[in-house]
Amino acid sequence: MAIFPDDSQSEVFSSYYPDGPHDFFDELNTAITDARDRHNVRVFNLSLNIETPISSKYYSTYAHLLDQIAENNNVLIFISAGNIDQQDWRPEWPKDTAVALSNLAVARNDDLLIPAESVRNITVAALNPPSQGRCLPFAPACYSRRGLGLRSGIKPDFAHVGGSGFSHPLRGHGLYSISPDGTVIDGCGTSYATPLVAKTAARLVQEIEGEISRETLIALLVHNAEIPTPLHSKDFDLIAQHLVGFGVPKPANQILETDEHSITLVFASLIQKRQQINFQFSWPLS
């Protein structure tokens, strides 16, 4: 949706949106509502952050606005976690667990950026790419911001490859995309990781017959996400989710099909007070 000015200079933005971000989010609401009504779009990518860290005490107006947009239109918005300013980047993730914990302990200015604390939408952090040479594959990227959010729930929700912060002489940042003029370019950032998770969600919406709820869509992603290998150590049990959320979702076809010896049961309903849902399931004798 072409609603963000090409030029990042503040005076250009203000010429389109005199009242600042509030005007922009109003335009975003209009664009999402129109896309939902005219084309039934359910999944939106917002690789965009306001350069203000979230607060552990206050919920931002902009996160609240995104919540309202998502609720009113029954859509799901995928938000980038935000990038750390380069002077505050963490060291590249080491193989030694103790060193990794030490690096996290002294890291600063790496909290999530507004509106990544949105509780009705999805926030995505970035991981290193495989085969880049200078970084540990699928470890948290040195520039990727982390939660706790409002200390109520998990933020970020997921993670995906966002490119390495340090550029390899031959492989660059290890994540490639196409520029507007058709050139293959490399880059890095949580803005690169976010649409990769959004794509999986969009594929689920496309493949499932009928309209599923936002909550069911989120549940399918969570149920089929895996914490990346560099965070498997028990030493990371208390902090892994603040870095990568529930992990990396599997591809959509694996989420929907599973294998011959497994099944996913989805219960999507509203439970009223003093009610419960019972599912009488008999385990196979084998």
Protein backbone atom coordinates (compact mmCIF):
# COMPACT_ATOMS: atom_id res chain seq x y z
CA MET A 1 0.00 0.00 0.00
CA ALA A 2 1.61 3.23 -1.17
CA ILE A 3 1.01 5.41 1.87
CA PHE A 4 4.54 6.05 3.14
CA PRO A 5 6.52 8.83 1.39
CA ASP A 6 9.53 7.70 -0.66
CA ASP A 7 11.77 10.29 0.98
CA SER A 8 12.61 9.56 4.63
CA GLN A 9 13.26 13.23 5.43
CA SER A 10 10.95 14.51 8.15
CA GLU A 11 9.80 17.54 6.15
CA VAL A 12 8.56 15.27 3.34
CA PHE A 13 6.64 13.07 5.78
CA SER A 14 5.07 16.12 7.44
CA SER A 15 3.92 17.47 4.08
CA TYR A 16 1.79 14.34 3.66
CA TYR A 17 0.87 13.95 7.33
CA PRO A 18 0.79 17.37 9.07
CA ASP A 19 -0.31 15.86 12.40
CA GLY A 20 2.52 13.31 12.33
CA PRO A 21 2.13 9.56 12.99
CA HIS A 22 -1.54 9.94 13.99
CA ASP A 23 -2.34 11.04 10.44
CA PHE A 24 -0.30 8.17 9.04
CA PHE A 25 -2.12 5.56 11.15
CA ASP A 26 -5.45 7.04 10.08
CA GLU A 27 -4.39 6.58 6.47
CA LEU A 28 -3.20 3.06 7.28
CA ASN A 29 -6.61 2.26 8.75
CA THR A 30 -8.33 3.53 5.61
CA ALA A 31 -6.01 1.53 3.33
CA ILE A 32 -6.39 -1.73 5.29
CA THR A 33 -10.17 -1.35 5.50
CA ASP A 34 -10.32 -0.77 1.75
CA ALA A 35 -8.07 -3.76 0.97
CA ARG A 36 -10.18 -5.97 3.24
CA ASP A 37 -13.50 -4.83 1.79
CA ARG A 38 -12.51 -4.86 -1.87
CA HIS A 39 -10.03 -7.74 -2.05
CA ASN A 40 -10.56 -9.68 1.21
CA VAL A 41 -6.90 -9.27 2.24
CA ARG A 42 -6.37 -10.72 5.72
CA VAL A 43 -2.57 -10.46 6.24
CA PHE A 44 -0.57 -7.22 6.18
CA ASN A 45 3.15 -6.56 6.61
CA LEU A 46 4.30 -3.44 8.48
CA SER A 47 8.10 -3.34 8.37
CA LEU A 48 8.02 0.04 10.03
CA ASN A 49 8.77 1.32 13.52
CA ILE A 50 8.61 4.61 15.32
CA GLU A 51 12.09 5.33 16.64
CA THR A 52 10.99 5.14 20.27
CA PRO A 53 11.59 2.15 22.57
CA ILE A 54 8.51 0.62 24.10
CA SER A 55 7.82 1.22 27.79
CA SER A 56 7.42 -1.51 30.39
CA LYS A 57 4.76 0.63 32.10
CA TYR A 58 2.76 2.28 29.32
CA TYR A 59 1.05 0.99 26.22
CA SER A 60 1.67 3.23 23.22
CA THR A 61 -1.14 4.96 21.37
CA TYR A 62 0.15 3.56 18.09
CA ALA A 63 0.09 -0.05 19.30
CA HIS A 64 -3.46 0.55 20.48
CA LEU A 65 -4.41 1.95 17.06
CA LEU A 66 -3.00 -1.15 15.34
CA ASP A 67 -4.97 -3.34 17.75
CA GLN A 68 -8.16 -1.52 16.80
CA ILE A 69 -7.43 -1.81 13.07
CA ALA A 70 -6.82 -5.55 13.41
CA GLU A 71 -9.94 -6.12 15.52
CA ASN A 72 -12.28 -4.00 13.41
CA ASN A 73 -11.23 -5.67 10.15
CA ASN A 74 -10.49 -9.20 11.44
CA VAL A 75 -6.99 -9.00 9.96
CA LEU A 76 -3.48 -9.72 11.21
CA ILE A 77 -0.63 -7.21 10.97
CA PHE A 78 3.00 -8.38 11.10
CA ILE A 79 5.30 -5.77 12.68
CA SER A 80 9.10 -5.63 12.68
CA ALA A 81 10.75 -5.76 16.10
CA GLY A 82 13.03 -2.86 15.17
CA ASN A 83 16.77 -2.55 14.61
CA ILE A 84 19.34 -1.53 17.21
CA ASP A 85 21.37 1.59 16.37
CA GLN A 86 24.67 0.38 14.94
CA GLN A 87 26.80 1.81 17.77
CA ASP A 88 24.85 -0.41 20.20
CA TRP A 89 24.89 -3.64 18.18
CA ARG A 90 25.60 -6.73 20.25
CA PRO A 91 28.66 -8.82 19.31
CA GLU A 92 28.01 -11.63 16.85
CA TRP A 93 26.38 -14.58 18.64
CA PRO A 94 29.14 -16.93 19.91
CA LYS A 95 29.08 -20.71 20.18
CA ASP A 96 30.00 -20.46 23.87
CA THR A 97 26.80 -20.22 25.95
CA ALA A 98 28.44 -18.35 28.82
CA VAL A 99 29.83 -15.70 26.47
CA ALA A 100 26.43 -15.30 24.80
CA LEU A 101 24.76 -14.74 28.18
CA SER A 102 27.46 -12.26 29.15
CA ASN A 103 26.95 -10.31 25.91
CA LEU A 104 23.22 -10.11 26.58
CA ALA A 105 23.80 -8.95 30.14
CA VAL A 106 25.84 -5.92 29.07
CA ALA A 107 23.81 -5.07 25.96
CA ARG A 108 22.00 -1.73 26.05
CA ASN A 109 19.39 0.20 24.11
CA ASP A 110 18.04 -2.97 22.49
CA ASP A 111 14.40 -2.91 23.63
CA LEU A 112 11.62 -3.35 21.05
CA LEU A 113 10.50 -0.25 19.17
CA ILE A 114 6.94 1.09 19.09
CA PRO A 115 4.46 -0.31 17.91
CA ALA A 116 6.02 -3.79 18.29
CA GLU A 117 4.25 -4.26 21.64
CA SER A 118 0.87 -4.58 19.89
CA VAL A 119 -0.90 -7.48 21.61
CA ARG A 120 -3.45 -8.13 18.87
CA ASN A 121 -0.85 -8.44 16.13
CA ILE A 122 2.44 -10.26 15.49
CA THR A 123 6.00 -8.99 16.02
CA VAL A 124 8.98 -10.58 14.25
CA ALA A 125 12.68 -10.54 15.20
CA ALA A 126 15.65 -11.37 12.95
CA LEU A 127 18.05 -14.32 12.80
CA ASN A 128 21.38 -14.83 11.06
CA PRO A 129 21.30 -16.56 7.66
CA PRO A 130 22.93 -19.96 7.04
CA SER A 131 26.20 -20.28 5.13
CA GLN A 132 27.20 -16.66 5.54
CA GLY A 133 30.62 -17.49 6.95
CA ARG A 134 31.07 -14.84 9.64
CA CYS A 135 28.09 -15.61 11.85
CA LEU A 136 26.45 -18.53 13.64
CA PRO A 137 23.54 -19.77 11.49
CA PHE A 138 20.04 -19.01 12.85
CA ALA A 139 21.34 -17.25 15.96
CA PRO A 140 19.68 -13.96 16.95
CA ALA A 141 21.01 -11.21 14.70
CA CYS A 142 23.26 -8.68 16.41
CA TYR A 143 20.94 -5.79 15.43
CA SER A 144 17.60 -7.43 16.32
CA ARG A 145 15.79 -5.89 19.27
CA ARG A 146 14.32 -7.99 22.08
CA GLY A 147 11.38 -8.08 24.55
CA LEU A 148 9.94 -8.18 27.40
CA GLY A 149 7.29 -5.86 26.05
CA LEU A 150 4.80 -4.92 28.76
CA ARG A 151 5.98 -7.94 30.80
CA SER A 152 2.63 -9.60 30.11
CA GLY A 153 2.96 -12.14 27.34
CA ILE A 154 5.64 -12.86 24.77
CA LYS A 155 7.14 -10.27 22.44
CA PRO A 156 8.49 -10.71 19.84
CA ASP A 157 6.16 -13.52 18.73
CA PHE A 158 8.36 -15.13 16.07
CA ALA A 159 11.69 -14.82 14.29
CA HIS A 160 13.01 -15.46 10.80
CA VAL A 161 16.17 -14.88 8.75
CA GLY A 162 16.86 -11.18 8.43
CA GLY A 163 20.43 -11.17 7.16
CA SER A 164 23.70 -10.86 9.05
CA GLY A 165 24.69 -7.51 10.51
CA PHE A 166 28.24 -7.91 9.27
CA SER A 167 28.77 -8.12 5.53
CA HIS A 168 30.83 -10.99 4.06
CA PRO A 169 33.24 -10.01 1.23
CA LEU A 170 31.53 -12.43 -1.17
CA ARG A 171 28.11 -13.24 0.30
CA GLY A 172 27.23 -9.80 1.66
CA HIS A 173 24.62 -9.94 4.41
CA GLY A 174 23.49 -13.39 3.28
CA LEU A 175 19.88 -12.43 2.49
CA TYR A 176 18.94 -11.32 -1.00
CA SER A 177 16.02 -9.48 -2.51
CA ILE A 178 15.07 -7.63 -5.67
CA SER A 179 15.31 -3.84 -5.89
CA PRO A 180 12.65 -1.82 -7.75
CA ASP A 181 14.85 -1.77 -10.87
CA GLY A 182 15.21 -5.58 -10.84
CA THR A 183 18.71 -5.74 -9.38
CA VAL A 184 19.58 -8.49 -6.88
CA ILE A 185 20.72 -6.82 -3.66
CA ASP A 186 21.66 -8.03 -0.19
CA GLY A 187 20.64 -6.43 3.08
CA CYS A 188 19.74 -6.99 6.70
CA GLY A 189 17.14 -5.92 9.23
CA THR A 190 14.03 -7.05 11.06
CA SER A 191 12.15 -5.47 8.16
CA TYR A 192 13.48 -8.31 5.99
CA ALA A 193 12.49 -11.04 8.47
CA THR A 194 8.93 -9.84 9.06
CA PRO A 195 7.46 -10.46 5.57
CA LEU A 196 8.87 -14.00 5.58
CA VAL A 197 6.59 -14.90 8.50
CA ALA A 198 3.72 -12.86 7.06
CA LYS A 199 4.06 -14.85 3.84
CA THR A 200 3.52 -18.12 5.72
CA ALA A 201 0.40 -16.72 7.37
CA ALA A 202 -0.93 -15.49 4.03
CA ARG A 203 -0.37 -18.93 2.53
CA LEU A 204 -2.35 -20.53 5.37
CA VAL A 205 -5.24 -18.14 4.73
CA GLN A 206 -5.10 -19.01 1.03
CA GLU A 207 -4.99 -22.78 1.53
CA ILE A 208 -7.66 -23.19 4.24
CA GLU A 209 -11.21 -23.36 2.93
CA GLY A 210 -13.49 -20.72 4.42
CA GLU A 211 -12.48 -17.84 6.67
CA ILE A 212 -10.53 -18.73 9.79
CA SER A 213 -10.26 -16.44 12.79
CA ARG A 214 -7.20 -14.38 13.61
CA GLU A 215 -6.75 -16.46 16.75
CA THR A 216 -6.76 -19.75 14.84
CA LEU A 217 -4.20 -18.38 12.38
CA ILE A 218 -1.92 -17.30 15.23
CA ALA A 219 -2.39 -20.65 16.98
CA LEU A 220 -1.34 -22.59 13.87
CA LEU A 221 1.85 -20.54 13.62
CA VAL A 222 2.66 -20.90 17.33
CA HIS A 223 1.94 -24.64 17.40
CA ASN A 224 4.28 -25.20 14.46
CA ALA A 225 7.14 -22.89 15.43
CA GLU A 226 10.54 -24.11 16.61
CA ILE A 227 13.20 -22.37 18.70
CA PRO A 228 16.37 -22.14 16.54
CA THR A 229 19.23 -24.50 17.37
CA PRO A 230 21.66 -21.93 18.90
CA LEU A 231 19.09 -21.31 21.69
CA HIS A 232 18.42 -24.95 22.58
CA SER A 233 20.64 -24.92 25.66
CA LYS A 234 18.77 -24.97 28.98
CA ASP A 235 20.77 -21.88 29.91
CA PHE A 236 18.58 -19.94 27.49
CA ASP A 237 15.24 -21.26 28.79
CA LEU A 238 14.33 -17.99 30.51
CA ILE A 239 15.45 -15.60 27.79
CA ALA A 240 15.03 -17.38 24.43
CA GLN A 241 11.44 -16.19 24.01
CA HIS A 242 12.46 -12.57 24.59
CA LEU A 243 14.79 -12.91 21.60
CA VAL A 244 12.85 -15.08 19.14
CA GLY A 245 9.37 -15.54 20.63
CA PHE A 246 7.99 -18.99 19.81
CA GLY A 247 10.67 -19.43 17.16
CA VAL A 248 10.54 -19.92 13.39
CA PRO A 249 7.23 -21.18 11.95
CA LYS A 250 7.36 -24.17 9.62
CA PRO A 251 6.37 -23.72 5.96
CA ALA A 252 2.61 -23.59 5.39
CA ASN A 253 2.40 -26.96 3.66
CA GLN A 254 4.03 -28.68 6.66
CA ILE A 255 1.68 -26.89 9.05
CA LEU A 256 -1.38 -28.10 7.16
CA GLU A 257 -0.34 -31.61 6.16
CA THR A 258 1.92 -32.88 9.02
CA ASP A 259 3.21 -36.42 8.51
CA GLU A 260 1.53 -39.84 8.43
CA HIS A 261 1.91 -40.39 12.17
CA SER A 262 0.63 -37.08 13.53
CA ILE A 263 -2.50 -34.96 13.52
CA THR A 264 -3.29 -31.38 14.52
CA LEU A 265 -6.65 -30.76 16.20
CA VAL A 266 -7.91 -27.17 16.19
CA PHE A 267 -10.62 -26.08 18.64
CA ALA A 268 -11.96 -22.66 17.73
CA SER A 269 -14.88 -21.55 19.87
CA LEU A 270 -15.98 -19.16 22.58
CA ILE A 271 -16.12 -20.63 26.07
CA GLN A 272 -18.74 -19.00 28.26
CA LYS A 273 -18.61 -18.80 32.02
CA ARG A 274 -18.99 -22.19 33.71
CA GLN A 275 -18.74 -24.02 30.41
CA GLN A 276 -16.07 -26.35 29.12
CA ILE A 277 -15.21 -28.10 25.89
CA ASN A 278 -14.75 -31.88 26.00
CA PHE A 279 -13.33 -33.88 23.14
CA GLN A 280 -13.67 -37.64 23.52
CA PHE A 281 -10.53 -38.96 21.90
CA SER A 282 -9.50 -42.62 21.95
CA TRP A 283 -5.80 -43.27 21.58
CA PRO A 284 -5.01 -45.94 18.93
CA LEU A 285 -4.00 -49.29 20.41
CA SER A 286 -0.60 -49.03 18.71
